[in-house]
Amino acid sequence: MRASYDAKCVRRLVLDRANTSIFPKWKMAFHLDDDRVFLFLVVIAFCNLIPLLGFVAYLITLSFAIVSSAILAEGGLVSHEINP
């Protein structure tokens, strides 16, 4: 009986030591769990995806503009020369 009582005291002492901190009156105001971290990363990835897609669309449009201006500088797609 005495051994089980001592084990309970030791367990309580260990748990009390684990739960105490340097600032015992301060409580953890916000617990960051895995769901919140995952949601944060999803929001960051989605917010970064929109400008990335815009930049890709800008590059595609710019390449079409460069190619079309080069075609127009050469005289267009149809040659005006008469081939005999």
N, C-alpha and C. Protein backbone atom coordinates (compact mmCIF):
# COMPACT_ATOMS: atom_id res chain seq x y z
N MET A 1 0.82 -1.18 0.00
CA MET A 1 0.00 0.00 0.00
C MET A 1 0.87 1.26 0.00
N ARG A 2 1.94 1.18 0.76
CA ARG A 2 2.82 2.35 0.85
C ARG A 2 3.53 2.61 -0.48
N ALA A 3 3.88 1.59 -1.22
CA ALA A 3 4.58 1.76 -2.49
C ALA A 3 3.69 2.43 -3.52
N SER A 4 2.41 2.07 -3.57
CA SER A 4 1.52 2.72 -4.53
C SER A 4 1.30 4.19 -4.17
N TYR A 5 1.27 4.48 -2.87
CA TYR A 5 1.11 5.87 -2.46
C TYR A 5 2.34 6.68 -2.85
N ASP A 6 3.51 6.11 -2.69
CA ASP A 6 4.74 6.79 -3.08
C ASP A 6 4.80 6.99 -4.60
N ALA A 7 4.32 6.02 -5.35
CA ALA A 7 4.30 6.17 -6.80
C ALA A 7 3.36 7.29 -7.21
N LYS A 8 2.22 7.41 -6.52
CA LYS A 8 1.29 8.51 -6.82
C LYS A 8 1.93 9.85 -6.49
N CYS A 9 2.64 9.91 -5.39
CA CYS A 9 3.30 11.17 -5.02
C CYS A 9 4.39 11.54 -6.02
N VAL A 10 5.15 10.55 -6.44
CA VAL A 10 6.20 10.81 -7.42
C VAL A 10 5.59 11.25 -8.74
N ARG A 11 4.52 10.58 -9.16
CA ARG A 11 3.87 10.95 -10.42
C ARG A 11 3.32 12.37 -10.34
N ARG A 12 2.70 12.72 -9.21
CA ARG A 12 2.16 14.07 -9.04
C ARG A 12 3.28 15.09 -9.02
N LEU A 13 4.39 14.76 -8.38
CA LEU A 13 5.52 15.68 -8.33
C LEU A 13 6.11 15.89 -9.72
N VAL A 14 6.23 14.83 -10.50
CA VAL A 14 6.76 14.95 -11.86
C VAL A 14 5.82 15.78 -12.72
N LEU A 15 4.51 15.54 -12.61
CA LEU A 15 3.55 16.31 -13.40
C LEU A 15 3.52 17.76 -12.97
N ASP A 16 3.65 18.01 -11.66
CA ASP A 16 3.67 19.40 -11.20
C ASP A 16 4.92 20.11 -11.70
N ARG A 17 6.04 19.43 -11.71
CA ARG A 17 7.27 20.04 -12.22
C ARG A 17 7.17 20.29 -13.73
N ALA A 18 6.50 19.41 -14.45
CA ALA A 18 6.38 19.57 -15.90
C ALA A 18 5.44 20.71 -16.25
N ASN A 19 4.44 20.97 -15.41
CA ASN A 19 3.46 22.00 -15.71
C ASN A 19 3.87 23.38 -15.22
N THR A 20 4.90 23.47 -14.41
CA THR A 20 5.33 24.78 -13.92
C THR A 20 6.31 25.38 -14.91
N SER A 21 6.33 26.70 -14.93
CA SER A 21 7.26 27.39 -15.80
C SER A 21 7.92 28.51 -15.02
N ILE A 22 8.73 29.29 -15.68
CA ILE A 22 9.38 30.42 -15.02
C ILE A 22 8.34 31.46 -14.63
N PHE A 23 7.31 31.62 -15.47
CA PHE A 23 6.23 32.56 -15.22
C PHE A 23 4.95 31.77 -14.98
N PRO A 24 4.68 31.36 -13.74
CA PRO A 24 3.55 30.46 -13.51
C PRO A 24 2.19 31.11 -13.75
N LYS A 25 2.08 32.43 -13.67
CA LYS A 25 0.78 33.07 -13.87
C LYS A 25 0.44 33.23 -15.34
N TRP A 26 1.43 33.11 -16.19
CA TRP A 26 1.19 33.29 -17.62
C TRP A 26 0.67 31.99 -18.20
N LYS A 27 -0.43 32.08 -18.89
CA LYS A 27 -1.01 30.91 -19.54
C LYS A 27 -0.75 31.01 -21.05
N MET A 28 -0.77 29.89 -21.72
CA MET A 28 -0.63 29.92 -23.17
C MET A 28 -1.94 30.44 -23.77
N ALA A 29 -1.88 31.59 -24.41
CA ALA A 29 -3.09 32.22 -24.91
C ALA A 29 -3.59 31.58 -26.19
N PHE A 30 -2.69 31.02 -26.97
CA PHE A 30 -3.09 30.48 -28.27
C PHE A 30 -2.29 29.22 -28.54
N HIS A 31 -3.00 28.17 -28.81
CA HIS A 31 -2.34 26.89 -29.11
C HIS A 31 -2.41 26.67 -30.61
N LEU A 32 -1.27 26.52 -31.23
CA LEU A 32 -1.20 26.34 -32.68
C LEU A 32 -1.18 24.86 -32.99
N ASP A 33 -2.31 24.34 -33.44
CA ASP A 33 -2.37 22.92 -33.75
C ASP A 33 -2.09 22.69 -35.23
N ASP A 34 -2.09 21.43 -35.63
CA ASP A 34 -1.72 21.08 -36.99
C ASP A 34 -2.72 21.59 -38.02
N ASP A 35 -4.01 21.63 -37.66
CA ASP A 35 -5.01 22.12 -38.61
C ASP A 35 -4.81 23.59 -38.93
N ARG A 36 -4.47 24.37 -37.93
CA ARG A 36 -4.25 25.80 -38.18
C ARG A 36 -2.99 26.03 -39.00
N VAL A 37 -1.96 25.26 -38.75
CA VAL A 37 -0.72 25.39 -39.54
C VAL A 37 -1.00 25.01 -40.99
N PHE A 38 -1.74 23.92 -41.21
CA PHE A 38 -2.06 23.51 -42.57
C PHE A 38 -2.91 24.56 -43.27
N LEU A 39 -3.90 25.12 -42.56
CA LEU A 39 -4.74 26.16 -43.15
C LEU A 39 -3.92 27.39 -43.49
N PHE A 40 -2.98 27.76 -42.62
CA PHE A 40 -2.10 28.89 -42.88
C PHE A 40 -1.27 28.66 -44.14
N LEU A 41 -0.71 27.46 -44.28
CA LEU A 41 0.10 27.17 -45.46
C LEU A 41 -0.74 27.13 -46.73
N VAL A 42 -1.97 26.65 -46.65
CA VAL A 42 -2.86 26.64 -47.81
C VAL A 42 -3.19 28.06 -48.23
N VAL A 43 -3.47 28.93 -47.27
CA VAL A 43 -3.79 30.33 -47.60
C VAL A 43 -2.58 31.01 -48.21
N ILE A 44 -1.40 30.80 -47.66
CA ILE A 44 -0.19 31.41 -48.22
C ILE A 44 0.07 30.89 -49.63
N ALA A 45 -0.10 29.59 -49.84
CA ALA A 45 0.13 29.03 -51.18
C ALA A 45 -0.89 29.57 -52.17
N PHE A 46 -2.15 29.70 -51.76
CA PHE A 46 -3.18 30.22 -52.67
C PHE A 46 -2.93 31.69 -52.99
N CYS A 47 -2.53 32.47 -51.99
CA CYS A 47 -2.27 33.89 -52.23
C CYS A 47 -1.04 34.09 -53.10
N ASN A 48 -0.10 33.17 -53.05
CA ASN A 48 1.07 33.28 -53.92
C ASN A 48 0.81 32.71 -55.30
N LEU A 49 -0.20 31.87 -55.43
CA LEU A 49 -0.51 31.26 -56.72
C LEU A 49 -1.15 32.26 -57.67
N ILE A 50 -1.96 33.17 -57.17
CA ILE A 50 -2.66 34.14 -58.02
C ILE A 50 -1.65 35.06 -58.73
N PRO A 51 -0.70 35.70 -58.04
CA PRO A 51 0.28 36.51 -58.77
C PRO A 51 1.16 35.69 -59.71
N LEU A 52 1.44 34.44 -59.34
CA LEU A 52 2.25 33.59 -60.20
C LEU A 52 1.52 33.30 -61.51
N LEU A 53 0.22 33.01 -61.43
CA LEU A 53 -0.56 32.79 -62.66
C LEU A 53 -0.65 34.06 -63.49
N GLY A 54 -0.78 35.20 -62.82
CA GLY A 54 -0.79 36.47 -63.54
C GLY A 54 0.52 36.73 -64.25
N PHE A 55 1.63 36.38 -63.61
CA PHE A 55 2.93 36.57 -64.23
C PHE A 55 3.12 35.65 -65.43
N VAL A 56 2.65 34.41 -65.34
CA VAL A 56 2.73 33.48 -66.47
C VAL A 56 1.88 33.99 -67.63
N ALA A 57 0.68 34.50 -67.33
CA ALA A 57 -0.17 35.06 -68.38
C ALA A 57 0.50 36.28 -69.02
N TYR A 58 1.17 37.09 -68.21
CA TYR A 58 1.90 38.24 -68.75
C TYR A 58 3.02 37.79 -69.68
N LEU A 59 3.76 36.76 -69.31
CA LEU A 59 4.85 36.28 -70.17
C LEU A 59 4.32 35.71 -71.49
N ILE A 60 3.20 35.01 -71.44
CA ILE A 60 2.60 34.47 -72.67
C ILE A 60 2.15 35.61 -73.57
N THR A 61 1.49 36.61 -72.99
CA THR A 61 1.04 37.76 -73.78
C THR A 61 2.23 38.52 -74.37
N LEU A 62 3.28 38.67 -73.59
CA LEU A 62 4.47 39.37 -74.08
C LEU A 62 5.12 38.61 -75.23
N SER A 63 5.15 37.29 -75.14
CA SER A 63 5.75 36.52 -76.24
C SER A 63 4.91 36.65 -77.51
N PHE A 64 3.58 36.65 -77.38
CA PHE A 64 2.74 36.88 -78.56
C PHE A 64 2.96 38.27 -79.15
N ALA A 65 3.14 39.26 -78.29
CA ALA A 65 3.37 40.62 -78.79
C ALA A 65 4.70 40.72 -79.52
N ILE A 66 5.73 40.08 -79.01
CA ILE A 66 7.04 40.12 -79.66
C ILE A 66 7.00 39.40 -81.01
N VAL A 67 6.36 38.24 -81.05
CA VAL A 67 6.28 37.49 -82.31
C VAL A 67 5.44 38.24 -83.33
N SER A 68 4.32 38.81 -82.91
CA SER A 68 3.47 39.52 -83.87
C SER A 68 4.15 40.79 -84.38
N SER A 69 4.89 41.48 -83.53
CA SER A 69 5.59 42.67 -84.02
C SER A 69 6.72 42.29 -84.98
N ALA A 70 7.36 41.15 -84.76
CA ALA A 70 8.39 40.69 -85.69
C ALA A 70 7.78 40.30 -87.03
N ILE A 71 6.60 39.68 -86.99
CA ILE A 71 5.91 39.32 -88.24
C ILE A 71 5.50 40.57 -89.00
N LEU A 72 4.97 41.55 -88.29
CA LEU A 72 4.57 42.80 -88.96
C LEU A 72 5.77 43.56 -89.50
N ALA A 73 6.91 43.49 -88.82
CA ALA A 73 8.10 44.18 -89.30
C ALA A 73 8.63 43.54 -90.58
N GLU A 74 8.41 42.26 -90.77
CA GLU A 74 8.85 41.57 -91.98
C GLU A 74 7.87 41.76 -93.14
N GLY A 75 6.76 42.36 -92.90
CA GLY A 75 5.82 42.59 -93.99
C GLY A 75 4.54 41.78 -93.86
N GLY A 76 4.32 41.19 -92.75
CA GLY A 76 3.08 40.45 -92.56
C GLY A 76 3.23 39.00 -92.95
N LEU A 77 2.14 38.27 -92.84
CA LEU A 77 2.15 36.84 -93.15
C LEU A 77 2.09 36.58 -94.65
N VAL A 78 1.46 37.49 -95.38
CA VAL A 78 1.30 37.29 -96.83
C VAL A 78 2.37 38.08 -97.56
N SER A 79 3.06 37.41 -98.43
CA SER A 79 4.09 38.09 -99.21
C SER A 79 3.43 38.83 -100.37
N HIS A 80 3.88 40.04 -100.62
CA HIS A 80 3.31 40.85 -101.70
C HIS A 80 4.07 40.69 -103.01
N GLU A 81 5.07 39.85 -103.01
CA GLU A 81 5.81 39.63 -104.25
C GLU A 81 5.02 38.68 -105.15
N ILE A 82 5.14 38.92 -106.43
CA ILE A 82 4.48 38.04 -107.41
C ILE A 82 5.49 37.01 -107.86
N ASN A 83 5.18 35.76 -107.62
CA ASN A 83 6.07 34.69 -108.05
C ASN A 83 5.63 34.19 -109.42
N PRO A 84 6.56 34.20 -110.40
CA PRO A 84 6.17 33.72 -111.74
C PRO A 84 6.01 32.23 -111.79
